[in-house]
Amino acid sequence: MGAVRTMAEPKVRILADVSVETRDKLEEVVQALGITKKEFFDQVIEGSHKKHVRNEN
């Protein structure tokens, strides 16, 4: 019986390049929204893609 391997999503380490103040603000925002950082980034990126790439408002 062989082992089943699942493909893991690659990790992007954006926060390694931002200031401590920005990381603190991000933590406050996600806590206020009750979502994860991943969910926050997914929402922001989707919104920006919709507005700037697909030209939808």
Protein backbone atom coordinates (compact mmCIF):
# COMPACT_ATOMS: atom_id res chain seq x y z
CA MET A 1 0.00 0.00 0.00
CA GLY A 2 1.59 3.27 -1.14
CA ALA A 3 1.58 6.55 0.71
CA VAL A 4 -0.68 9.23 -0.66
CA ARG A 5 1.01 12.58 -1.06
CA THR A 6 -0.94 15.78 -1.06
CA MET A 7 0.40 18.86 -2.70
CA ALA A 8 0.88 21.66 -0.23
CA GLU A 9 0.32 25.22 -1.31
CA PRO A 10 3.55 27.19 -1.37
CA LYS A 11 3.87 29.71 1.43
CA VAL A 12 4.36 33.37 0.63
CA ARG A 13 6.18 35.25 3.35
CA ILE A 14 4.91 38.77 2.71
CA LEU A 15 5.01 39.81 6.34
CA ALA A 16 8.77 39.27 6.56
CA ASP A 17 9.21 42.53 4.62
CA VAL A 18 6.76 44.81 6.46
CA SER A 19 7.24 46.93 9.56
CA VAL A 20 6.21 45.78 13.00
CA GLU A 21 3.56 48.51 13.01
CA THR A 22 2.01 47.13 9.82
CA ARG A 23 1.97 43.60 11.23
CA ASP A 24 0.29 44.89 14.38
CA LYS A 25 -2.34 46.72 12.31
CA LEU A 26 -2.99 43.58 10.28
CA GLU A 27 -3.51 41.60 13.46
CA GLU A 28 -5.99 44.22 14.73
CA VAL A 29 -7.89 44.20 11.42
CA VAL A 30 -8.26 40.43 11.20
CA GLN A 31 -9.32 40.25 14.84
CA ALA A 32 -11.93 42.97 14.28
CA LEU A 33 -13.24 41.15 11.19
CA GLY A 34 -13.09 37.74 12.84
CA ILE A 35 -11.17 36.20 9.92
CA THR A 36 -7.74 34.71 9.33
CA LYS A 37 -4.85 36.53 7.69
CA LYS A 38 -5.19 34.18 4.73
CA GLU A 39 -8.87 35.05 4.36
CA PHE A 40 -8.01 38.75 4.59
CA PHE A 41 -5.35 38.51 1.88
CA ASP A 42 -7.66 36.42 -0.32
CA GLN A 43 -10.36 39.12 -0.03
CA VAL A 44 -7.99 42.02 -0.68
CA ILE A 45 -6.31 40.34 -3.65
CA GLU A 46 -9.63 39.29 -5.17
CA GLY A 47 -10.99 42.83 -4.79
CA SER A 48 -7.89 44.38 -6.34
CA HIS A 49 -7.87 41.86 -9.18
CA LYS A 50 -11.52 42.57 -9.87
CA LYS A 51 -10.96 46.34 -9.90
CA HIS A 52 -7.57 46.65 -11.62
CA VAL A 53 -7.34 43.60 -13.89
CA ARG A 54 -10.93 42.79 -14.84
CA ASN A 55 -11.99 46.48 -14.65
CA GLU A 56 -15.08 45.66 -12.61
CA ASN A 57 -16.30 48.06 -9.95
